[in-house]
Protein backbone atom coordinates (compact mmCIF):
# COMPACT_ATOMS: atom_id res chain seq x y z
CA MET A 1 92.69 72.44 122.41
CA SER A 2 94.65 75.27 120.87
CA SER A 3 94.36 76.36 117.15
CA TYR A 4 96.19 78.92 114.97
CA LEU A 5 93.62 81.58 114.17
CA HIS A 6 95.11 84.29 111.93
CA THR A 7 98.01 86.30 111.00
CA MET A 8 97.59 90.12 111.09
CA LEU A 9 98.98 92.36 108.37
CA ARG A 10 98.52 96.33 108.38
CA VAL A 11 97.39 97.64 104.95
CA LYS A 12 97.46 101.03 103.44
CA ASN A 13 94.51 100.36 101.06
CA LEU A 14 91.99 97.82 102.03
CA ASP A 15 90.29 97.56 98.75
CA ALA A 16 93.59 97.05 96.76
CA SER A 17 94.55 94.38 99.33
CA LEU A 18 91.22 92.48 99.18
CA ALA A 19 91.58 92.59 95.23
CA PHE A 20 94.95 91.01 95.48
CA TYR A 21 93.97 88.12 97.91
CA ARG A 22 91.00 87.39 95.71
CA LEU A 23 93.54 86.70 92.96
CA LEU A 24 94.67 83.92 95.09
CA GLY A 25 91.27 82.48 95.40
CA MET A 26 90.69 83.83 98.90
CA ARG A 27 87.47 85.63 99.85
CA GLU A 28 86.60 88.07 102.46
CA LEU A 29 85.08 86.05 105.38
CA ARG A 30 84.03 89.04 107.53
CA ARG A 31 84.64 92.59 108.23
CA LYS A 32 84.51 94.80 111.41
CA ASP A 33 84.45 98.66 111.22
CA VAL A 34 85.52 100.19 114.52
CA PRO A 35 84.84 104.07 114.44
CA ASP A 36 85.84 104.73 117.96
CA GLY A 37 89.30 103.09 117.12
CA LYS A 38 89.39 104.44 113.52
CA TYR A 39 90.21 101.11 111.91
CA THR A 40 88.62 98.42 109.77
CA LEU A 41 89.33 94.55 110.00
CA ALA A 42 88.80 92.41 107.12
CA PHE A 43 89.48 88.77 107.40
CA VAL A 44 90.32 86.68 104.34
CA GLY A 45 90.74 83.02 103.69
CA TYR A 46 89.69 79.87 101.97
CA ASP A 47 87.33 78.72 104.59
CA ASP A 48 86.69 79.78 108.11
CA ASN A 49 88.17 79.02 111.58
CA GLN A 50 85.34 76.83 112.37
CA ASN A 51 86.78 74.35 109.94
CA GLY A 52 90.32 74.64 111.04
CA GLN A 53 91.41 77.05 108.42
CA ALA A 54 93.73 79.88 109.44
CA GLU A 55 92.94 83.26 108.09
CA ILE A 56 94.74 86.59 107.29
CA GLU A 57 93.45 89.75 109.22
CA LEU A 58 94.03 92.84 107.10
CA THR A 59 93.97 95.78 109.37
CA TYR A 60 93.27 99.33 107.87
CA ASN A 61 93.96 102.05 110.19
CA TRP A 62 91.90 105.01 108.92
CA GLY A 63 94.10 107.72 107.62
CA GLU A 64 97.44 105.67 107.40
CA ASP A 65 97.47 105.67 103.66
CA ALA A 66 101.10 106.10 103.52
CA GLY A 67 101.57 102.41 104.55
CA TYR A 68 104.05 100.61 106.85
CA GLU A 69 107.40 99.09 106.72
CA VAL A 70 107.30 95.42 106.38
CA GLY A 71 110.39 95.13 108.62
CA THR A 72 113.39 92.75 108.68
CA GLY A 73 111.96 90.07 110.91
CA PHE A 74 108.87 89.07 108.66
CA GLY A 75 109.77 86.35 106.00
CA HIS A 76 106.66 85.51 104.15
CA LEU A 77 103.18 83.83 104.19
CA ALA A 78 103.00 80.31 102.37
CA ILE A 79 99.87 79.18 100.49
CA GLY A 80 99.36 75.78 98.91
CA VAL A 81 97.90 76.04 95.58
CA PRO A 82 97.11 73.17 92.86
CA ASP A 83 99.01 75.03 90.04
CA VAL A 84 101.73 77.44 90.96
CA THR A 85 102.28 78.62 87.28
CA ALA A 86 98.52 79.28 86.66
CA THR A 87 98.16 81.09 90.04
CA THR A 88 101.34 83.12 89.33
CA GLU A 89 99.95 84.17 85.89
CA GLN A 90 96.59 85.08 87.48
CA VAL A 91 98.42 87.36 89.99
CA ARG A 92 100.47 88.92 87.06
CA ALA A 93 97.35 89.36 85.01
CA GLY A 94 95.46 91.21 87.96
CA GLY A 95 98.37 93.60 88.21
CA GLY A 96 100.33 91.77 91.11
CA LYS A 97 104.01 91.51 91.54
CA VAL A 98 105.84 88.30 90.80
CA THR A 99 109.32 88.39 92.64
CA ARG A 100 110.30 84.75 91.81
CA GLU A 101 109.15 82.95 88.78
CA PRO A 102 107.73 79.40 89.13
CA GLY A 103 110.20 76.63 89.48
CA PRO A 104 111.80 74.07 91.80
CA VAL A 105 113.28 75.33 94.98
CA LYS A 106 117.05 75.53 95.02
CA PHE A 107 118.62 72.19 95.80
CA GLY A 108 115.22 70.70 96.10
CA THR A 109 112.16 69.49 94.10
CA THR A 110 109.37 71.51 95.63
CA PHE A 111 107.79 73.72 93.02
CA ILE A 112 107.38 77.39 94.15
CA ALA A 113 106.99 80.95 93.19
CA PHE A 114 106.86 84.18 95.14
CA VAL A 115 104.59 87.09 94.77
CA GLU A 116 104.07 90.41 96.77
CA ASP A 117 100.77 91.82 97.84
CA PRO A 118 100.08 95.73 97.46
CA ASP A 119 102.00 96.46 100.74
CA GLY A 120 105.09 94.41 99.85
CA TYR A 121 104.33 91.40 102.02
CA LYS A 122 105.96 88.29 100.30
CA ILE A 123 103.84 85.31 99.62
CA GLU A 124 105.32 81.90 98.69
CA LEU A 125 103.11 79.76 96.36
CA ILE A 126 103.74 75.95 96.85
CA GLN A 127 102.47 73.33 94.49
CA ARG A 128 100.26 71.08 96.38
């Protein structure tokens, strides 16, 4: 049986990224420092893959503090939350960037908002 494991995002400041994802209710699940490769992997999520929950792999390449370009092919991550408005306010209060205020999707009824992590990755919050 196949399963979706994780999405990898390169980050310029691991501590800032971890703090941001904690604002979304995620926790650091595990971390691996690879001195020979000069990078650190930190996996965040709500649960672990043993229970079928996908994770986000935050990859910090040591010394690459200038950051990376998000690119034109990447769209966004989507996270289901119980209260989009409350989560958006939590992100804002924690210093995060809100790029689309909470409200119904255009031409629909799904209640969403968009925020950005410290590296500019877009995250859609969807009311569950």
